[in-house]
């Protein structure tokens, strides 16, 4: 059980409306456990919604790039809950393959990733490890993204680190429909090009 019990239906009308707003359109699932826990504090949830919805629905990063960042941030934080939710829904809608999603859990960045995605993964890794970006990592991002997108990238990475803190700190169990968090691959095994899908989809 989570450390804070999630709300259960029937919900008050205001909470029911808020929970429906948090779920992606057309997703045939009950509101996420994370959302139902957060609505123990409706004012906090409301403030969080604006940023989260803005990053997912109105961002400047391509959807696949956004989902690679989210997968890597949550994988590095060991947050199987949020990794599995995105892997089962928005990441697949953005066109990421099963191999790409598994590779976001792998240590390091192998040569099967297109340069744009490799730059994102490397930058997420540096932020995770040091809360800083080296000049080479920044320069690699600048090849592919405008200033507005780079600002969004930094906020996106930080936001999903926050979500990972929430899910891990609350001991949330993975959603039954989410993809299981894979075991990191054996680094002694050779990388396969299928992992990263072969081509840049920009």
N, C-alpha and C. Protein backbone atom coordinates (compact mmCIF):
# COMPACT_ATOMS: atom_id res chain seq x y z
N UNK A 1 0.84 -1.21 0.00
CA UNK A 1 0.00 0.00 0.00
C UNK A 1 0.87 1.25 0.00
N UNK A 2 0.42 2.29 -0.72
CA UNK A 2 1.15 3.55 -0.66
C UNK A 2 1.17 4.11 0.76
N UNK A 3 2.16 4.93 1.03
CA UNK A 3 2.29 5.52 2.37
C UNK A 3 1.15 6.48 2.68
N UNK A 4 0.55 7.07 1.65
CA UNK A 4 -0.66 7.89 1.81
C UNK A 4 -1.75 7.23 0.96
N UNK A 5 -2.85 6.91 1.57
CA UNK A 5 -3.90 6.17 0.87
C UNK A 5 -4.52 7.02 -0.24
N UNK A 6 -4.63 6.49 -1.46
CA UNK A 6 -5.27 7.25 -2.54
C UNK A 6 -6.78 7.37 -2.31
N UNK A 7 -7.35 8.43 -2.84
CA UNK A 7 -8.80 8.58 -2.80
C UNK A 7 -9.46 7.44 -3.55
N UNK A 8 -10.64 7.06 -3.10
CA UNK A 8 -11.43 6.02 -3.76
C UNK A 8 -12.79 6.58 -4.15
N UNK A 9 -13.37 6.10 -5.26
CA UNK A 9 -14.71 6.55 -5.63
C UNK A 9 -15.74 6.06 -4.61
N UNK A 10 -16.86 6.76 -4.53
CA UNK A 10 -17.24 7.94 -5.33
C UNK A 10 -16.51 9.19 -4.85
N UNK A 11 -16.08 10.01 -5.81
CA UNK A 11 -15.35 11.23 -5.50
C UNK A 11 -16.33 12.40 -5.40
N UNK A 12 -16.01 13.39 -4.58
CA UNK A 12 -16.77 14.65 -4.67
C UNK A 12 -16.71 15.19 -6.10
N UNK A 13 -17.71 15.92 -6.49
CA UNK A 13 -17.81 16.37 -7.88
C UNK A 13 -16.58 17.16 -8.31
N UNK A 14 -16.06 18.01 -7.45
CA UNK A 14 -14.91 18.82 -7.83
C UNK A 14 -13.67 17.96 -8.04
N UNK A 15 -13.50 16.93 -7.19
CA UNK A 15 -12.35 16.04 -7.32
C UNK A 15 -12.50 15.17 -8.56
N UNK A 16 -13.70 14.68 -8.81
CA UNK A 16 -13.95 13.86 -10.00
C UNK A 16 -13.60 14.63 -11.26
N UNK A 17 -14.03 15.88 -11.33
CA UNK A 17 -13.72 16.71 -12.51
C UNK A 17 -12.21 16.93 -12.64
N UNK A 18 -11.56 17.20 -11.52
CA UNK A 18 -10.12 17.44 -11.56
C UNK A 18 -9.37 16.18 -12.01
N UNK A 19 -9.75 15.02 -11.49
CA UNK A 19 -9.08 13.78 -11.87
C UNK A 19 -9.24 13.48 -13.35
N UNK A 20 -10.41 13.76 -13.89
CA UNK A 20 -10.62 13.53 -15.32
C UNK A 20 -9.73 14.45 -16.16
N UNK A 21 -9.50 15.65 -15.68
CA UNK A 21 -8.62 16.57 -16.41
C UNK A 21 -7.19 16.05 -16.44
N UNK A 22 -6.77 15.35 -15.40
CA UNK A 22 -5.40 14.88 -15.31
C UNK A 22 -5.13 13.70 -16.24
N UNK A 23 -6.15 12.93 -16.61
CA UNK A 23 -5.94 11.75 -17.43
C UNK A 23 -5.87 12.14 -18.91
N UNK A 24 -4.96 11.50 -19.68
CA UNK A 24 -4.88 11.80 -21.11
C UNK A 24 -6.19 11.45 -21.80
N UNK A 25 -6.57 12.20 -22.85
CA UNK A 25 -7.82 11.90 -23.57
C UNK A 25 -7.81 10.49 -24.14
N UNK A 26 -8.94 9.80 -23.98
CA UNK A 26 -9.08 8.49 -24.60
C UNK A 26 -8.42 7.35 -23.87
N UNK A 27 -7.79 7.60 -22.73
CA UNK A 27 -7.15 6.52 -21.97
C UNK A 27 -8.24 5.83 -21.14
N UNK A 28 -8.46 4.51 -21.38
CA UNK A 28 -9.60 3.83 -20.76
C UNK A 28 -9.29 3.27 -19.37
N UNK A 29 -8.62 4.05 -18.54
CA UNK A 29 -8.23 3.57 -17.21
C UNK A 29 -8.78 4.51 -16.15
N UNK A 30 -8.88 3.97 -14.97
CA UNK A 30 -9.24 4.79 -13.83
C UNK A 30 -8.10 5.79 -13.56
N UNK A 31 -8.38 6.90 -12.90
CA UNK A 31 -7.31 7.85 -12.59
C UNK A 31 -6.14 7.17 -11.89
N UNK A 32 -4.94 7.60 -12.24
CA UNK A 32 -3.73 6.99 -11.70
C UNK A 32 -3.70 7.08 -10.18
N UNK A 33 -3.07 6.09 -9.58
CA UNK A 33 -2.89 6.12 -8.13
C UNK A 33 -2.18 7.40 -7.70
N UNK A 34 -1.16 7.80 -8.47
CA UNK A 34 -0.44 9.04 -8.14
C UNK A 34 -1.39 10.23 -8.07
N UNK A 35 -2.28 10.34 -9.05
CA UNK A 35 -3.21 11.47 -9.07
C UNK A 35 -4.17 11.40 -7.88
N UNK A 36 -4.61 10.20 -7.55
CA UNK A 36 -5.57 10.06 -6.46
C UNK A 36 -4.93 10.32 -5.10
N UNK A 37 -3.64 10.06 -4.99
CA UNK A 37 -2.94 10.44 -3.76
C UNK A 37 -2.74 11.95 -3.71
N UNK A 38 -2.32 12.53 -4.83
CA UNK A 38 -2.08 13.98 -4.85
C UNK A 38 -3.33 14.77 -4.49
N UNK A 39 -4.49 14.24 -4.86
CA UNK A 39 -5.72 14.98 -4.57
C UNK A 39 -6.16 14.86 -3.12
N UNK A 40 -5.33 14.27 -2.27
CA UNK A 40 -5.49 14.47 -0.83
C UNK A 40 -5.15 15.92 -0.48
N UNK A 41 -4.42 16.58 -1.37
CA UNK A 41 -4.10 18.00 -1.23
C UNK A 41 -4.51 18.69 -2.53
N UNK A 42 -5.81 18.99 -2.72
CA UNK A 42 -6.29 19.49 -4.01
C UNK A 42 -5.63 20.78 -4.47
N UNK A 43 -5.27 21.66 -3.53
CA UNK A 43 -4.63 22.91 -3.95
C UNK A 43 -3.25 22.64 -4.55
N UNK A 44 -2.48 21.77 -3.93
CA UNK A 44 -1.18 21.41 -4.47
C UNK A 44 -1.35 20.73 -5.83
N UNK A 45 -2.30 19.80 -5.93
CA UNK A 45 -2.54 19.12 -7.20
C UNK A 45 -2.90 20.11 -8.30
N UNK A 46 -3.71 21.08 -7.98
CA UNK A 46 -4.12 22.07 -8.97
C UNK A 46 -2.93 22.88 -9.47
N UNK A 47 -2.04 23.25 -8.57
CA UNK A 47 -0.85 24.01 -8.99
C UNK A 47 0.07 23.15 -9.85
N UNK A 48 0.17 21.88 -9.50
CA UNK A 48 1.03 20.98 -10.28
C UNK A 48 0.45 20.71 -11.67
N UNK A 49 -0.86 20.69 -11.77
CA UNK A 49 -1.50 20.37 -13.05
C UNK A 49 -1.08 21.33 -14.15
N UNK A 50 -1.00 22.59 -13.84
CA UNK A 50 -0.70 23.59 -14.88
C UNK A 50 0.63 23.30 -15.55
N UNK A 51 1.65 23.02 -14.76
CA UNK A 51 2.96 22.74 -15.35
C UNK A 51 2.97 21.40 -16.05
N UNK A 52 2.46 20.36 -15.41
CA UNK A 52 2.48 19.04 -16.02
C UNK A 52 1.72 18.99 -17.33
N UNK A 53 0.52 19.56 -17.35
CA UNK A 53 -0.28 19.56 -18.57
C UNK A 53 0.37 20.41 -19.65
N UNK A 54 1.00 21.50 -19.25
CA UNK A 54 1.67 22.34 -20.24
C UNK A 54 2.82 21.63 -20.91
N UNK A 55 3.61 20.89 -20.14
CA UNK A 55 4.75 20.17 -20.71
C UNK A 55 4.29 19.06 -21.64
N UNK A 56 3.21 18.38 -21.30
CA UNK A 56 2.76 17.25 -22.12
C UNK A 56 1.92 17.69 -23.31
N UNK A 57 1.13 18.73 -23.15
CA UNK A 57 0.19 19.08 -24.20
C UNK A 57 0.55 20.29 -25.03
N UNK A 58 1.47 21.12 -24.55
CA UNK A 58 1.76 22.37 -25.25
C UNK A 58 3.26 22.64 -25.34
N UNK A 59 4.05 21.61 -25.24
CA UNK A 59 5.50 21.79 -25.26
C UNK A 59 6.05 22.02 -26.65
N UNK A 60 7.29 22.48 -26.69
CA UNK A 60 7.97 22.75 -27.95
C UNK A 60 8.86 21.59 -28.40
N UNK A 61 9.14 20.66 -27.51
CA UNK A 61 9.92 19.49 -27.90
C UNK A 61 9.03 18.50 -28.65
N UNK A 62 9.55 17.84 -29.70
CA UNK A 62 8.78 16.77 -30.34
C UNK A 62 8.38 15.71 -29.32
N UNK A 63 7.26 15.07 -29.56
CA UNK A 63 6.72 14.12 -28.58
C UNK A 63 7.71 12.99 -28.28
N UNK A 64 8.36 12.47 -29.31
CA UNK A 64 9.31 11.37 -29.08
C UNK A 64 10.48 11.83 -28.22
N UNK A 65 10.98 13.04 -28.46
CA UNK A 65 12.08 13.58 -27.67
C UNK A 65 11.65 13.75 -26.22
N UNK A 66 10.47 14.29 -26.03
CA UNK A 66 9.93 14.48 -24.67
C UNK A 66 9.85 13.14 -23.94
N UNK A 67 9.35 12.12 -24.61
CA UNK A 67 9.17 10.83 -23.95
C UNK A 67 10.50 10.13 -23.68
N UNK A 68 11.50 10.35 -24.52
CA UNK A 68 12.83 9.81 -24.23
C UNK A 68 13.39 10.45 -22.97
N UNK A 69 13.21 11.76 -22.83
CA UNK A 69 13.67 12.44 -21.62
C UNK A 69 12.95 11.88 -20.39
N UNK A 70 11.64 11.74 -20.47
CA UNK A 70 10.87 11.25 -19.33
C UNK A 70 11.29 9.82 -18.97
N UNK A 71 11.45 8.98 -19.99
CA UNK A 71 11.85 7.59 -19.73
C UNK A 71 13.21 7.53 -19.07
N UNK A 72 14.14 8.35 -19.56
CA UNK A 72 15.49 8.30 -19.00
C UNK A 72 15.53 8.85 -17.58
N UNK A 73 14.85 9.96 -17.35
CA UNK A 73 14.82 10.55 -16.01
C UNK A 73 14.24 9.55 -15.01
N UNK A 74 13.10 8.95 -15.36
CA UNK A 74 12.45 8.05 -14.42
C UNK A 74 13.24 6.74 -14.28
N UNK A 75 13.88 6.30 -15.36
CA UNK A 75 14.71 5.10 -15.27
C UNK A 75 15.90 5.34 -14.36
N UNK A 76 16.59 6.47 -14.54
CA UNK A 76 17.76 6.76 -13.70
C UNK A 76 17.36 6.92 -12.23
N UNK A 77 16.15 7.38 -11.99
CA UNK A 77 15.68 7.53 -10.60
C UNK A 77 15.11 6.22 -10.05
N UNK A 78 15.10 5.16 -10.88
CA UNK A 78 14.55 3.88 -10.43
C UNK A 78 13.06 3.93 -10.17
N UNK A 79 12.36 4.77 -10.94
CA UNK A 79 10.92 4.96 -10.73
C UNK A 79 10.15 4.13 -11.75
N UNK A 80 9.99 2.84 -11.44
CA UNK A 80 9.25 1.96 -12.33
C UNK A 80 7.81 2.39 -12.52
N UNK A 81 7.24 3.04 -11.51
CA UNK A 81 5.84 3.47 -11.61
C UNK A 81 5.65 4.41 -12.80
N UNK A 82 6.37 5.53 -12.80
CA UNK A 82 6.15 6.54 -13.84
C UNK A 82 6.72 6.08 -15.17
N UNK A 83 7.84 5.37 -15.15
CA UNK A 83 8.39 4.81 -16.40
C UNK A 83 7.34 3.94 -17.07
N UNK A 84 6.71 3.06 -16.31
CA UNK A 84 5.74 2.13 -16.89
C UNK A 84 4.50 2.80 -17.42
N UNK A 85 4.03 3.85 -16.74
CA UNK A 85 2.85 4.58 -17.20
C UNK A 85 3.11 5.23 -18.56
N UNK A 86 4.25 5.91 -18.68
CA UNK A 86 4.54 6.57 -19.96
C UNK A 86 4.87 5.57 -21.04
N UNK A 87 5.60 4.51 -20.69
CA UNK A 87 5.96 3.51 -21.69
C UNK A 87 4.73 2.86 -22.30
N UNK A 88 3.68 2.69 -21.50
CA UNK A 88 2.46 2.04 -21.97
C UNK A 88 1.54 2.97 -22.75
N UNK A 89 1.74 4.27 -22.63
CA UNK A 89 0.78 5.20 -23.24
C UNK A 89 1.48 6.21 -24.14
N UNK A 90 1.93 7.31 -23.57
CA UNK A 90 2.40 8.44 -24.38
C UNK A 90 3.66 8.12 -25.16
N UNK A 91 4.53 7.28 -24.62
CA UNK A 91 5.76 6.95 -25.36
C UNK A 91 5.43 6.15 -26.63
N UNK A 92 4.51 5.21 -26.50
CA UNK A 92 4.12 4.45 -27.69
C UNK A 92 3.37 5.33 -28.68
N UNK A 93 2.52 6.21 -28.18
CA UNK A 93 1.83 7.14 -29.08
C UNK A 93 2.82 8.03 -29.82
N UNK A 94 3.94 8.34 -29.19
CA UNK A 94 4.97 9.18 -29.82
C UNK A 94 5.84 8.41 -30.81
N UNK A 95 5.65 7.10 -30.89
CA UNK A 95 6.37 6.30 -31.86
C UNK A 95 7.62 5.60 -31.35
N UNK A 96 7.86 5.63 -30.05
CA UNK A 96 9.03 4.93 -29.53
C UNK A 96 8.79 3.43 -29.56
N UNK A 97 9.82 2.68 -29.92
CA UNK A 97 9.72 1.23 -30.01
C UNK A 97 9.98 0.59 -28.66
N UNK A 98 9.61 -0.69 -28.57
CA UNK A 98 9.90 -1.43 -27.34
C UNK A 98 11.40 -1.46 -27.09
N UNK A 99 12.20 -1.60 -28.14
CA UNK A 99 13.64 -1.61 -27.98
C UNK A 99 14.18 -0.29 -27.47
N UNK A 100 13.67 0.81 -27.99
CA UNK A 100 14.10 2.11 -27.51
C UNK A 100 13.76 2.29 -26.04
N UNK A 101 12.56 1.89 -25.66
CA UNK A 101 12.14 2.05 -24.27
C UNK A 101 13.01 1.21 -23.35
N UNK A 102 13.30 -0.03 -23.74
CA UNK A 102 14.18 -0.85 -22.92
C UNK A 102 15.56 -0.21 -22.80
N UNK A 103 16.03 0.39 -23.89
CA UNK A 103 17.37 0.97 -23.89
C UNK A 103 17.48 2.20 -22.99
N UNK A 104 16.35 2.83 -22.67
CA UNK A 104 16.43 3.98 -21.75
C UNK A 104 16.81 3.54 -20.35
N UNK A 105 16.68 2.26 -20.05
CA UNK A 105 17.04 1.73 -18.74
C UNK A 105 18.51 1.29 -18.71
N UNK A 106 19.10 1.12 -19.89
CA UNK A 106 20.47 0.62 -19.97
C UNK A 106 21.46 1.69 -19.52
N UNK A 107 22.55 1.28 -18.88
CA UNK A 107 23.58 2.27 -18.51
C UNK A 107 24.31 2.76 -19.74
N UNK A 108 24.69 4.04 -19.72
CA UNK A 108 25.45 4.59 -20.83
C UNK A 108 24.58 4.87 -22.05
N UNK A 109 25.23 5.36 -23.09
CA UNK A 109 24.54 5.70 -24.35
C UNK A 109 25.34 5.05 -25.47
N UNK A 110 24.79 4.01 -26.07
CA UNK A 110 25.55 3.32 -27.11
C UNK A 110 25.32 3.96 -28.47
N UNK A 111 26.08 3.50 -29.46
CA UNK A 111 26.08 4.13 -30.76
C UNK A 111 24.86 3.86 -31.62
N UNK A 112 23.90 3.08 -31.11
CA UNK A 112 22.70 2.81 -31.91
C UNK A 112 21.69 3.95 -31.85
N UNK A 113 21.89 4.89 -30.93
CA UNK A 113 20.97 6.03 -30.84
C UNK A 113 21.33 7.08 -31.89
N UNK A 114 20.33 7.66 -32.57
CA UNK A 114 20.61 8.82 -33.42
C UNK A 114 21.21 9.95 -32.59
N UNK A 115 22.02 10.82 -33.21
CA UNK A 115 22.73 11.86 -32.44
C UNK A 115 21.83 12.73 -31.57
N UNK A 116 20.65 13.06 -32.07
CA UNK A 116 19.77 13.93 -31.28
C UNK A 116 19.35 13.25 -29.99
N UNK A 117 18.95 11.99 -30.10
CA UNK A 117 18.53 11.26 -28.92
C UNK A 117 19.70 10.99 -27.98
N UNK A 118 20.85 10.70 -28.56
CA UNK A 118 22.04 10.47 -27.74
C UNK A 118 22.37 11.71 -26.92
N UNK A 119 22.21 12.90 -27.52
CA UNK A 119 22.47 14.14 -26.79
C UNK A 119 21.51 14.30 -25.62
N UNK A 120 20.24 13.95 -25.82
CA UNK A 120 19.27 14.02 -24.73
C UNK A 120 19.63 13.07 -23.60
N UNK A 121 19.93 11.83 -23.94
CA UNK A 121 20.25 10.83 -22.93
C UNK A 121 21.49 11.22 -22.13
N UNK A 122 22.50 11.68 -22.84
CA UNK A 122 23.73 12.09 -22.16
C UNK A 122 23.47 13.26 -21.22
N UNK A 123 22.66 14.22 -21.67
CA UNK A 123 22.36 15.38 -20.83
C UNK A 123 21.56 14.97 -19.59
N UNK A 124 20.58 14.08 -19.76
CA UNK A 124 19.82 13.60 -18.61
C UNK A 124 20.74 12.90 -17.62
N UNK A 125 21.64 12.07 -18.13
CA UNK A 125 22.56 11.37 -17.24
C UNK A 125 23.42 12.34 -16.44
N UNK A 126 23.92 13.37 -17.10
CA UNK A 126 24.76 14.34 -16.37
C UNK A 126 23.95 15.09 -15.33
N UNK A 127 22.74 15.48 -15.67
CA UNK A 127 21.90 16.18 -14.70
C UNK A 127 21.59 15.27 -13.51
N UNK A 128 21.34 14.00 -13.79
CA UNK A 128 21.03 13.06 -12.71
C UNK A 128 22.22 12.92 -11.76
N UNK A 129 23.40 12.85 -12.33
CA UNK A 129 24.59 12.56 -11.53
C UNK A 129 25.16 13.78 -10.80
N UNK A 130 24.97 14.97 -11.40
CA UNK A 130 25.65 16.13 -10.82
C UNK A 130 24.79 17.38 -10.71
N UNK A 131 23.56 17.34 -11.25
CA UNK A 131 22.70 18.53 -11.31
C UNK A 131 23.35 19.64 -12.13
N UNK A 132 24.25 19.28 -13.04
CA UNK A 132 24.92 20.24 -13.92
C UNK A 132 25.05 19.63 -15.31
N UNK A 133 25.34 20.50 -16.28
CA UNK A 133 25.61 20.06 -17.65
C UNK A 133 27.00 20.54 -18.04
N UNK A 134 27.80 19.63 -18.54
CA UNK A 134 29.11 20.02 -19.05
C UNK A 134 28.94 20.79 -20.35
N UNK A 135 29.97 21.55 -20.73
CA UNK A 135 29.90 22.28 -21.99
C UNK A 135 29.73 21.36 -23.19
N UNK A 136 30.43 20.22 -23.27
CA UNK A 136 30.19 19.31 -24.40
C UNK A 136 28.75 18.81 -24.48
N UNK A 137 28.15 18.52 -23.33
CA UNK A 137 26.76 18.06 -23.34
C UNK A 137 25.83 19.17 -23.82
N UNK A 138 26.09 20.39 -23.36
CA UNK A 138 25.27 21.53 -23.79
C UNK A 138 25.45 21.78 -25.29
N UNK A 139 26.67 21.74 -25.75
CA UNK A 139 26.94 21.99 -27.17
C UNK A 139 26.26 20.93 -28.05
N UNK A 140 26.24 19.68 -27.58
CA UNK A 140 25.58 18.62 -28.35
C UNK A 140 24.08 18.88 -28.46
N UNK A 141 23.47 19.40 -27.40
CA UNK A 141 22.05 19.74 -27.46
C UNK A 141 21.80 20.92 -28.40
N UNK A 142 22.70 21.90 -28.38
CA UNK A 142 22.51 23.10 -29.20
C UNK A 142 22.50 22.81 -30.69
N UNK A 143 23.10 21.69 -31.09
CA UNK A 143 23.07 21.31 -32.51
C UNK A 143 21.64 21.03 -32.96
N UNK A 144 20.80 20.57 -32.05
CA UNK A 144 19.47 20.06 -32.43
C UNK A 144 18.30 20.90 -31.93
N UNK A 145 18.53 21.78 -30.96
CA UNK A 145 17.41 22.46 -30.31
C UNK A 145 17.65 23.96 -30.20
N UNK A 146 16.54 24.71 -30.27
CA UNK A 146 16.57 26.15 -30.07
C UNK A 146 16.56 26.46 -28.57
N UNK A 147 16.87 27.72 -28.25
CA UNK A 147 16.93 28.12 -26.84
C UNK A 147 15.63 27.79 -26.10
N UNK A 148 14.49 28.07 -26.74
CA UNK A 148 13.21 27.83 -26.08
C UNK A 148 13.04 26.35 -25.74
N UNK A 149 13.49 25.49 -26.64
CA UNK A 149 13.39 24.06 -26.39
C UNK A 149 14.36 23.59 -25.31
N UNK A 150 15.51 24.21 -25.26
CA UNK A 150 16.48 23.84 -24.23
C UNK A 150 15.98 24.21 -22.84
N UNK A 151 15.35 25.36 -22.72
CA UNK A 151 14.75 25.72 -21.43
C UNK A 151 13.68 24.70 -21.04
N UNK A 152 12.87 24.32 -22.02
CA UNK A 152 11.83 23.33 -21.75
C UNK A 152 12.44 22.00 -21.34
N UNK A 153 13.51 21.59 -22.00
CA UNK A 153 14.18 20.34 -21.66
C UNK A 153 14.59 20.33 -20.19
N UNK A 154 15.21 21.41 -19.73
CA UNK A 154 15.68 21.46 -18.35
C UNK A 154 14.52 21.39 -17.36
N UNK A 155 13.43 22.09 -17.67
CA UNK A 155 12.26 22.05 -16.80
C UNK A 155 11.63 20.65 -16.83
N UNK A 156 11.54 20.06 -18.02
CA UNK A 156 10.95 18.72 -18.17
C UNK A 156 11.73 17.69 -17.34
N UNK A 157 13.05 17.72 -17.46
CA UNK A 157 13.87 16.77 -16.70
C UNK A 157 13.68 16.97 -15.20
N UNK A 158 13.67 18.21 -14.76
CA UNK A 158 13.47 18.48 -13.34
C UNK A 158 12.09 18.09 -12.85
N UNK A 159 11.09 18.33 -13.69
CA UNK A 159 9.72 18.00 -13.32
C UNK A 159 9.56 16.50 -13.09
N UNK A 160 10.10 15.70 -14.01
CA UNK A 160 9.93 14.26 -13.85
C UNK A 160 10.83 13.68 -12.77
N UNK A 161 11.88 14.38 -12.42
CA UNK A 161 12.62 14.00 -11.22
C UNK A 161 11.72 14.20 -10.00
N UNK A 162 10.97 15.30 -9.98
CA UNK A 162 10.02 15.54 -8.89
C UNK A 162 8.97 14.45 -8.84
N UNK A 163 8.43 14.09 -10.01
CA UNK A 163 7.42 13.02 -10.06
C UNK A 163 8.01 11.71 -9.55
N UNK A 164 9.27 11.44 -9.90
CA UNK A 164 9.92 10.22 -9.41
C UNK A 164 10.06 10.26 -7.90
N UNK A 165 10.41 11.41 -7.36
CA UNK A 165 10.47 11.53 -5.89
C UNK A 165 9.13 11.20 -5.27
N UNK A 166 8.07 11.73 -5.84
CA UNK A 166 6.73 11.47 -5.31
C UNK A 166 6.40 9.99 -5.35
N UNK A 167 6.53 9.38 -6.52
CA UNK A 167 6.13 7.98 -6.67
C UNK A 167 6.99 7.07 -5.81
N UNK A 168 8.30 7.31 -5.79
CA UNK A 168 9.18 6.47 -4.98
C UNK A 168 8.97 6.72 -3.48
N UNK A 169 8.84 8.00 -3.12
CA UNK A 169 8.67 8.32 -1.71
C UNK A 169 7.37 7.81 -1.14
N UNK A 170 6.34 7.74 -1.99
CA UNK A 170 5.04 7.24 -1.56
C UNK A 170 4.92 5.72 -1.64
N UNK A 171 5.95 5.05 -2.19
CA UNK A 171 5.95 3.60 -2.39
C UNK A 171 4.78 3.16 -3.27
N UNK A 172 4.56 3.89 -4.36
CA UNK A 172 3.46 3.53 -5.26
C UNK A 172 3.79 2.25 -6.01
N UNK A 173 2.84 1.33 -6.03
CA UNK A 173 2.99 0.12 -6.83
C UNK A 173 2.66 0.45 -8.28
N UNK A 174 3.32 -0.25 -9.20
CA UNK A 174 3.11 0.02 -10.62
C UNK A 174 1.64 -0.20 -10.99
N UNK A 175 1.14 0.65 -11.90
CA UNK A 175 -0.22 0.47 -12.38
C UNK A 175 -0.34 -0.88 -13.07
N UNK A 176 -1.47 -1.60 -12.90
CA UNK A 176 -1.59 -2.94 -13.48
C UNK A 176 -1.46 -2.96 -15.00
N UNK A 177 -1.78 -1.85 -15.66
CA UNK A 177 -1.71 -1.80 -17.12
C UNK A 177 -0.40 -1.18 -17.61
N UNK A 178 0.42 -0.66 -16.71
CA UNK A 178 1.69 -0.08 -17.12
C UNK A 178 2.68 -1.16 -17.55
N UNK A 179 3.66 -0.77 -18.37
CA UNK A 179 4.68 -1.74 -18.76
C UNK A 179 5.60 -2.02 -17.58
N UNK A 180 5.95 -3.27 -17.37
CA UNK A 180 6.88 -3.60 -16.28
C UNK A 180 8.24 -2.94 -16.51
N UNK A 181 8.81 -2.46 -15.45
CA UNK A 181 10.12 -1.82 -15.51
C UNK A 181 11.17 -2.91 -15.80
N UNK A 182 11.89 -2.82 -16.92
CA UNK A 182 12.82 -3.91 -17.26
C UNK A 182 14.07 -3.89 -16.40
N UNK A 183 14.65 -5.05 -16.26
CA UNK A 183 15.96 -5.14 -15.63
C UNK A 183 16.98 -4.51 -16.56
N UNK A 184 17.92 -3.73 -16.05
CA UNK A 184 18.96 -3.18 -16.93
C UNK A 184 19.69 -4.31 -17.63
N UNK A 185 19.99 -4.14 -18.94
CA UNK A 185 20.67 -5.21 -19.66
C UNK A 185 22.09 -5.41 -19.16
N UNK A 186 22.61 -6.59 -19.44
CA UNK A 186 23.97 -6.93 -19.06
C UNK A 186 24.94 -6.11 -19.91
N UNK A 187 25.75 -5.22 -19.31
CA UNK A 187 26.64 -4.37 -20.10
C UNK A 187 27.71 -5.14 -20.84
N UNK A 188 27.91 -6.42 -20.48
CA UNK A 188 28.92 -7.21 -21.18
C UNK A 188 28.42 -7.72 -22.53
N UNK A 189 27.09 -7.60 -22.75
CA UNK A 189 26.53 -8.07 -24.02
C UNK A 189 26.62 -6.97 -25.06
N UNK A 190 26.86 -7.33 -26.34
CA UNK A 190 26.97 -6.31 -27.38
C UNK A 190 25.64 -5.60 -27.60
N UNK A 191 25.73 -4.30 -27.91
CA UNK A 191 24.52 -3.51 -28.18
C UNK A 191 23.92 -3.93 -29.50
N UNK A 192 22.61 -3.81 -29.60
CA UNK A 192 21.92 -4.13 -30.84
C UNK A 192 21.33 -2.86 -31.42
N UNK A 193 21.44 -2.70 -32.73
CA UNK A 193 20.95 -1.48 -33.36
C UNK A 193 19.45 -1.32 -33.21
N UNK A 194 18.72 -2.45 -33.06
CA UNK A 194 17.26 -2.36 -32.93
C UNK A 194 16.85 -1.56 -31.72
N UNK A 195 17.72 -1.50 -30.71
CA UNK A 195 17.39 -0.77 -29.51
C UNK A 195 16.90 0.63 -29.78
N UNK A 196 17.60 1.34 -30.63
CA UNK A 196 17.27 2.74 -30.84
C UNK A 196 16.51 2.96 -32.13
N UNK A 197 16.13 1.91 -32.78
CA UNK A 197 15.23 2.06 -33.91
C UNK A 197 15.91 2.43 -35.20
N UNK A 198 17.21 2.69 -35.20
CA UNK A 198 17.93 2.87 -36.44
C UNK A 198 17.96 4.23 -37.00
N UNK A 199 16.84 5.00 -37.09
CA UNK A 199 16.91 6.29 -37.73
C UNK A 199 16.35 7.40 -36.88
N UNK A 200 16.78 8.58 -37.24
CA UNK A 200 16.31 9.80 -36.57
C UNK A 200 14.94 10.14 -37.10
N UNK A 201 13.97 10.32 -36.16
CA UNK A 201 12.62 10.58 -36.62
C UNK A 201 12.26 12.04 -36.55
N UNK A 202 13.16 12.92 -36.55
CA UNK A 202 12.83 14.33 -36.39
C UNK A 202 11.91 14.79 -37.50
